[in-house]
Structure formats: C-alpha cells, structure tokens
C-alpha cells in the first residue's frame, strides 16, 4: 500500500492538501483532501475552518485519516498557530461514517442547520429599518470585476467559494437580490438571495464586526423579504453552522424556524 499526493487536488482541495492511497496492485483504495477557509470575521474565536473530504476502503482508512490529520496540523502551523476546527460532513443516516470518525476522536456537536422563513406570513408586520445614518442599496454587479469583488467580500465572511459564472447564472433566475448597507462610504454589511418562484435561498448575510448588534442583518433580511412578498414567493430557506450561535439566534429573531439538521459536521478543535 502506498500513499502520495495526486497530480490534481481532491474535491477542490489543493494538491499539497490531497492524498491518494493505492494497494500493491496499483488500484486506488482511498482518496481525501483538506479545504481551508479563514473566517476571522465570522468565527473570530476559532478562525481556521479545515474541511476534510475522505473516502476510503476500510484497509486504507486509518492510513489516509492519519495523513490528512498530520497535514491539518501542518496547515495550522503555517497559519501561525491560530485556533482551528477540523471537520468532515456526515449524512444523518450514515451510521458507518459517524461511527468511524467518532471512534477516531471527532465529536458530533456541530451540524449544518436548516431554517425556513414563511415569507407571506411576514406581510404587514413591523418593518426593521437600517441604523440611523445608513442606507440599503442594490449592489452593482454589471461588470465581471464587480461580481468578483462581491464574491470576495462574501468569502471573507465564510460563504463558500464561487466563481463569477455561478453568480451570473443566479442573476438570470426569477428571484435574485444583492443588497448592501453603507454609512456614507463605510461598508456595513451585505446580503445575497436567489431562487425560484416557490422558494428563495438566503446564501449569505454578513455584517462587519463593528456594525454587529445594530440591526444591520435584520434590516437586510427584512428588505429582501418585502421584495419576496411582492413577488409572491412563499418561503426562504437558510443554513447556519450550529457552532455559529450568533447566526442561529439572528435567524430565529428574524422569524425563521428551525427545520432540521441537514448533516453532521463531525470534527475536533485544534
């Protein structure tokens, strides 16, 4: 059995963060990779977010897991020793995967939580307006540079990495809104919502740390909700990582209801 870095990264991971295992006959029996995000704005207490993707035959599992964990430790050192969370996604009904990773020391305290807002039920309710001295504007996305700058801002808050083409496709859909709050030239926060006539998706709502607790997120969600009410969209869904208690609380305060845990985020703090 041999383990090595493949010619290309696994599952979107960089080559140096990816591994492939082959048996003595040269048959691939496992592969995995690590994707790193730095989320200082979203999770300042543990800003390094390292997601592990791993699929292996049982005989290769421990070898691959060990290599990925060792590489995760090296990534933490390269990032200056900042606190990190190493985790992997696990379907709720995937008992074998859950048992394997918990046996290897991962906990199951975290999860990807689904929330849904009954949009039409919000009609006629008291509006949430942005803080005094600020204004909500539509984000200008006409040029590719503007779209890429917008995505970079969202990425800094923890939004998954997308390309300009991904955004362009959603802009052509029946439901789309990209809005920001500014205080003069001071950027306060932003929101991205897209979807179909029967359901909108809140991809991201982000607020600069110094503007948190002032109602910026509530105002952005409310502004988009009014737009969805006018279009007759019945529901808007959003996901939050369970350990991000601020996001969980914010969604509930904005009228979203928790529906289910979409998947476990099995992991450990580093």
Protein backbone atom coordinates (compact mmCIF):
# COMPACT_ATOMS: atom_id res chain seq x y z
CA UNK A 1 0.00 0.00 0.00
CA UNK A 2 1.28 3.47 -0.92
CA UNK A 3 0.02 7.00 -0.20
CA UNK A 4 1.00 10.05 -2.21
CA UNK A 5 -0.09 13.50 -3.41
CA UNK A 6 -2.09 13.14 -6.66
CA UNK A 7 -1.46 15.18 -9.81
CA UNK A 8 -4.64 17.14 -9.06
CA UNK A 9 -6.32 18.07 -5.82
CA UNK A 10 -9.21 16.03 -4.41
CA UNK A 11 -12.66 17.61 -4.17
CA UNK A 12 -11.47 21.16 -4.73
CA UNK A 13 -8.55 20.87 -2.29
CA UNK A 14 -5.06 21.97 -3.28
CA UNK A 15 -2.70 19.23 -4.45
CA UNK A 16 -0.48 19.58 -1.38
CA UNK A 17 -3.55 19.09 0.81
CA UNK A 18 -4.72 15.97 -1.03
CA UNK A 19 -3.79 12.29 -0.77
CA UNK A 20 -4.48 9.11 -2.73
CA UNK A 21 -3.91 5.57 -1.45
CA UNK A 22 -3.22 2.63 -3.79
CA UNK A 23 -2.77 -1.05 -2.98
CA UNK A 24 0.11 -3.27 -4.07
CA UNK A 25 -1.61 -3.89 -7.42
CA UNK A 26 -1.83 -0.17 -8.14
CA UNK A 27 -5.59 0.04 -7.54
CA UNK A 28 -6.85 3.19 -5.84
CA UNK A 29 -8.44 2.33 -2.49
CA UNK A 30 -8.78 5.76 -0.94
CA UNK A 31 -8.60 9.50 -1.52
CA UNK A 32 -9.06 12.61 0.55
CA UNK A 33 -8.34 16.30 0.76
CA UNK A 34 -8.48 19.35 3.02
CA UNK A 35 -10.07 22.70 2.18
CA UNK A 36 -9.04 25.69 4.26
CA UNK A 37 -11.02 28.86 4.95
CA UNK A 38 -10.00 31.72 7.23
CA UNK A 39 -13.13 33.04 8.94
CA UNK A 40 -11.84 35.78 11.24
CA UNK A 41 -14.97 37.87 10.71
CA UNK A 42 -17.47 35.06 11.21
CA UNK A 43 -15.77 32.91 13.88
CA UNK A 44 -13.02 35.03 15.47
CA UNK A 45 -12.52 32.66 18.40
CA UNK A 46 -11.61 29.76 16.07
CA UNK A 47 -10.98 31.28 12.65
CA UNK A 48 -9.36 28.40 10.74
CA UNK A 49 -12.00 26.21 9.13
CA UNK A 50 -10.49 22.99 7.72
CA UNK A 51 -12.93 20.67 5.97
CA UNK A 52 -11.83 17.09 5.39
CA UNK A 53 -13.17 15.07 2.49
CA UNK A 54 -12.26 11.41 2.84
CA UNK A 55 -13.45 8.25 1.09
CA UNK A 56 -11.53 5.02 1.55
CA UNK A 57 -11.73 1.23 1.70
CA UNK A 58 -11.54 0.09 5.34
CA UNK A 59 -7.98 -1.21 4.88
CA UNK A 60 -6.84 2.27 3.82
CA UNK A 61 -8.98 4.35 6.16
CA UNK A 62 -6.61 4.76 9.09
CA UNK A 63 -3.62 5.50 6.85
CA UNK A 64 -5.49 8.16 4.92
CA UNK A 65 -7.02 9.64 8.06
CA UNK A 66 -3.59 9.89 9.70
CA UNK A 67 -2.09 11.64 6.69
CA UNK A 68 -4.93 14.16 6.50
CA UNK A 69 -4.75 14.93 10.22
CA UNK A 70 -0.98 15.41 10.03
CA UNK A 71 -1.43 17.77 7.09
CA UNK A 72 -4.12 19.68 9.03
CA UNK A 73 -1.64 20.17 11.90
CA UNK A 74 0.91 21.48 9.41
CA UNK A 75 -1.65 23.91 7.96
CA UNK A 76 -2.29 25.28 11.46
CA UNK A 77 1.43 25.89 11.92
CA UNK A 78 1.63 27.58 8.51
CA UNK A 79 -1.23 29.85 9.58
CA UNK A 80 0.64 30.98 12.67
CA UNK A 81 -0.92 28.54 15.11
CA UNK A 82 -4.37 30.16 15.04
CA UNK A 83 -7.17 28.07 16.60
CA UNK A 84 -8.80 25.76 14.05
CA UNK A 85 -11.69 23.37 13.61
CA UNK A 86 -11.06 20.20 11.58
CA UNK A 87 -14.28 18.53 10.46
CA UNK A 88 -15.97 16.34 7.88
CA UNK A 89 -19.55 16.21 6.66
CA UNK A 90 -21.64 13.16 7.54
CA UNK A 91 -25.19 12.40 6.45
CA UNK A 92 -27.57 11.91 9.37
CA UNK A 93 -28.27 8.31 8.37
CA UNK A 94 -24.63 7.36 7.57
CA UNK A 95 -24.05 5.27 10.67
CA UNK A 96 -20.81 3.71 9.45
CA UNK A 97 -19.16 7.08 8.75
CA UNK A 98 -20.41 8.50 12.04
CA UNK A 99 -19.02 5.55 13.99
CA UNK A 100 -15.66 5.68 12.22
CA UNK A 101 -14.97 9.38 12.77
CA UNK A 102 -16.23 9.45 16.37
CA UNK A 103 -14.01 6.44 17.06
CA UNK A 104 -11.11 8.45 15.65
CA UNK A 105 -11.76 11.27 18.13
CA UNK A 106 -14.19 13.55 16.27
CA UNK A 107 -17.23 14.85 18.15
CA UNK A 108 -20.75 15.26 16.73
CA UNK A 109 -21.64 18.52 18.49
CA UNK A 110 -21.75 20.54 15.27
CA UNK A 111 -24.13 20.40 12.32
CA UNK A 112 -25.45 22.21 9.27
CA UNK A 113 -28.83 23.54 10.41
CA UNK A 114 -31.70 24.35 8.05
CA UNK A 115 -34.03 27.28 8.78
CA UNK A 116 -37.11 28.33 6.80
CA UNK A 117 -38.99 31.64 6.79
CA UNK A 118 -42.68 31.76 5.90
CA UNK A 119 -42.38 34.85 3.71
CA UNK A 120 -46.03 35.64 3.18
CA UNK A 121 -46.70 35.42 6.92
CA UNK A 122 -44.38 38.41 7.31
CA UNK A 123 -46.66 40.68 5.28
CA UNK A 124 -47.98 43.58 7.33
CA UNK A 125 -45.59 43.03 10.22
CA UNK A 126 -43.48 45.81 11.68
CA UNK A 127 -40.53 46.66 9.44
CA UNK A 128 -36.88 46.54 10.50
CA UNK A 129 -35.03 49.57 9.17
CA UNK A 130 -31.26 50.04 8.95
CA UNK A 131 -29.48 52.10 11.65
CA UNK A 132 -29.88 55.87 11.55
CA UNK A 133 -27.43 57.40 9.12
CA UNK A 134 -27.15 54.27 6.98
CA UNK A 135 -28.89 53.23 3.76
CA UNK A 136 -29.64 50.00 1.92
CA UNK A 137 -28.60 49.96 -1.74
CA UNK A 138 -28.63 47.41 -4.55
CA UNK A 139 -25.13 46.06 -5.15
CA UNK A 140 -23.78 46.98 -8.57
CA UNK A 141 -22.92 43.73 -10.39
CA UNK A 142 -22.86 44.71 -14.05
CA UNK A 143 -19.18 44.01 -14.69
CA UNK A 144 -17.17 40.87 -14.00
CA UNK A 145 -14.84 42.83 -11.72
CA UNK A 146 -17.80 44.00 -9.62
CA UNK A 147 -19.12 40.44 -9.37
CA UNK A 148 -15.76 39.05 -8.35
CA UNK A 149 -15.26 41.79 -5.73
CA UNK A 150 -18.71 40.99 -4.33
CA UNK A 151 -17.87 37.28 -4.07
CA UNK A 152 -14.54 38.05 -2.39
CA UNK A 153 -16.38 40.06 0.27
CA UNK A 154 -18.81 37.20 0.88
CA UNK A 155 -15.95 34.70 1.05
CA UNK A 156 -14.30 36.73 3.82
CA UNK A 157 -17.41 36.08 5.93
CA UNK A 158 -17.45 32.33 5.30
CA UNK A 159 -19.52 31.98 2.14
CA UNK A 160 -18.34 29.02 0.08
CA UNK A 161 -16.08 29.94 -2.79
CA UNK A 162 -17.95 30.57 -6.04
CA UNK A 163 -16.91 31.83 -9.45
CA UNK A 164 -18.32 34.82 -11.30
CA UNK A 165 -20.16 32.41 -13.63
CA UNK A 166 -22.01 30.93 -10.65
CA UNK A 167 -23.23 34.38 -9.69
CA UNK A 168 -24.17 35.30 -13.28
CA UNK A 169 -26.35 32.18 -13.54
CA UNK A 170 -28.25 33.10 -10.39
CA UNK A 171 -28.66 36.69 -11.52
CA UNK A 172 -30.60 35.36 -14.53
CA UNK A 173 -33.03 33.48 -12.29
CA UNK A 174 -36.56 34.60 -11.41
CA UNK A 175 -35.55 35.55 -7.85
CA UNK A 176 -32.39 37.50 -7.14
CA UNK A 177 -31.32 40.20 -4.69
CA UNK A 178 -27.89 41.52 -3.74
CA UNK A 179 -28.04 44.42 -1.29
CA UNK A 180 -25.63 46.26 0.96
CA UNK A 181 -25.80 48.71 3.83
CA UNK A 182 -23.49 51.74 3.88
CA UNK A 183 -22.96 54.59 6.31
CA UNK A 184 -21.65 57.18 3.89
CA UNK A 185 -18.67 55.36 2.35
CA UNK A 186 -18.38 52.97 5.32
CA UNK A 187 -19.38 49.43 4.35
CA UNK A 188 -21.62 47.84 7.00
CA UNK A 189 -22.91 44.56 5.55
CA UNK A 190 -24.38 42.66 2.62
CA UNK A 191 -26.90 40.01 1.63
CA UNK A 192 -27.31 37.61 -1.29
CA UNK A 193 -30.61 35.86 -2.06
CA UNK A 194 -31.60 33.88 -5.15
CA UNK A 195 -34.03 31.13 -6.07
CA UNK A 196 -37.21 30.08 -7.82
CA UNK A 197 -40.81 31.36 -7.58
CA UNK A 198 -41.65 28.69 -5.00
CA UNK A 199 -38.58 29.14 -2.77
CA UNK A 200 -35.76 31.62 -2.23
CA UNK A 201 -32.33 30.78 -0.83
CA UNK A 202 -30.52 33.10 1.55
CA UNK A 203 -26.95 32.32 0.51
CA UNK A 204 -25.31 34.77 2.89
CA UNK A 205 -25.99 37.72 5.14
CA UNK A 206 -22.85 39.31 6.55
CA UNK A 207 -22.15 42.28 8.78
CA UNK A 208 -18.85 43.96 9.58
CA UNK A 209 -17.89 43.26 13.22
CA UNK A 210 -18.12 46.89 14.35
CA UNK A 211 -21.68 47.11 12.99
CA UNK A 212 -23.00 43.96 14.63
CA UNK A 213 -25.77 44.28 17.18
CA UNK A 214 -27.13 47.40 15.49
CA UNK A 215 -29.85 45.77 13.37
CA UNK A 216 -27.99 45.65 10.04
CA UNK A 217 -28.69 41.97 9.35
CA UNK A 218 -32.33 42.29 10.40
CA UNK A 219 -32.78 45.28 8.08
CA UNK A 220 -31.21 43.47 5.12
CA UNK A 221 -33.34 40.35 5.61
CA UNK A 222 -36.46 42.45 6.05
CA UNK A 223 -35.73 44.46 2.90
CA UNK A 224 -35.33 41.29 0.83
CA UNK A 225 -38.40 39.74 2.48
CA UNK A 226 -40.52 42.69 1.33
CA UNK A 227 -39.29 42.08 -2.21
CA UNK A 228 -40.17 38.38 -1.97
CA UNK A 229 -43.64 39.21 -0.60
CA UNK A 230 -44.29 41.39 -3.65
CA UNK A 231 -43.20 38.55 -5.94
CA UNK A 232 -45.42 36.04 -4.15
CA UNK A 233 -42.52 33.81 -3.08
CA UNK A 234 -43.84 31.65 -0.21
CA UNK A 235 -40.65 30.55 1.54
CA UNK A 236 -36.99 31.47 2.05
CA UNK A 237 -34.53 28.96 3.42
CA UNK A 238 -31.14 29.49 5.02
CA UNK A 239 -28.46 27.33 6.60
CA UNK A 240 -26.29 28.04 9.62
CA UNK A 241 -23.45 26.15 11.24
CA UNK A 242 -24.57 25.12 14.71
CA UNK A 243 -21.45 26.44 16.43
CA UNK A 244 -22.17 29.88 15.00
CA UNK A 245 -24.69 30.69 17.72
CA UNK A 246 -24.92 34.33 16.63
CA UNK A 247 -26.24 33.29 13.21
CA UNK A 248 -28.65 30.77 14.76
CA UNK A 249 -30.03 33.42 17.10
CA UNK A 250 -30.27 36.03 14.33
CA UNK A 251 -32.33 33.74 12.07
CA UNK A 252 -34.76 32.95 14.87
CA UNK A 253 -35.11 36.64 15.73
CA UNK A 254 -35.90 37.39 12.07
CA UNK A 255 -38.79 34.91 12.03
CA UNK A 256 -37.05 31.82 10.62
CA UNK A 257 -37.99 28.47 12.09
CA UNK A 258 -35.53 25.64 12.60
CA UNK A 259 -36.47 22.66 10.42
CA UNK A 260 -33.75 20.02 10.73
CA UNK A 261 -30.06 19.22 10.87
CA UNK A 262 -29.09 18.65 7.24
CA UNK A 263 -25.87 16.85 8.16
CA UNK A 264 -23.42 16.39 10.99
CA UNK A 265 -20.15 18.31 10.91
CA UNK A 266 -18.07 15.74 12.77
CA UNK A 267 -14.85 17.29 13.98
CA UNK A 268 -12.44 18.40 16.66
CA UNK A 269 -10.92 21.69 17.74
CA UNK A 270 -7.22 22.16 17.10
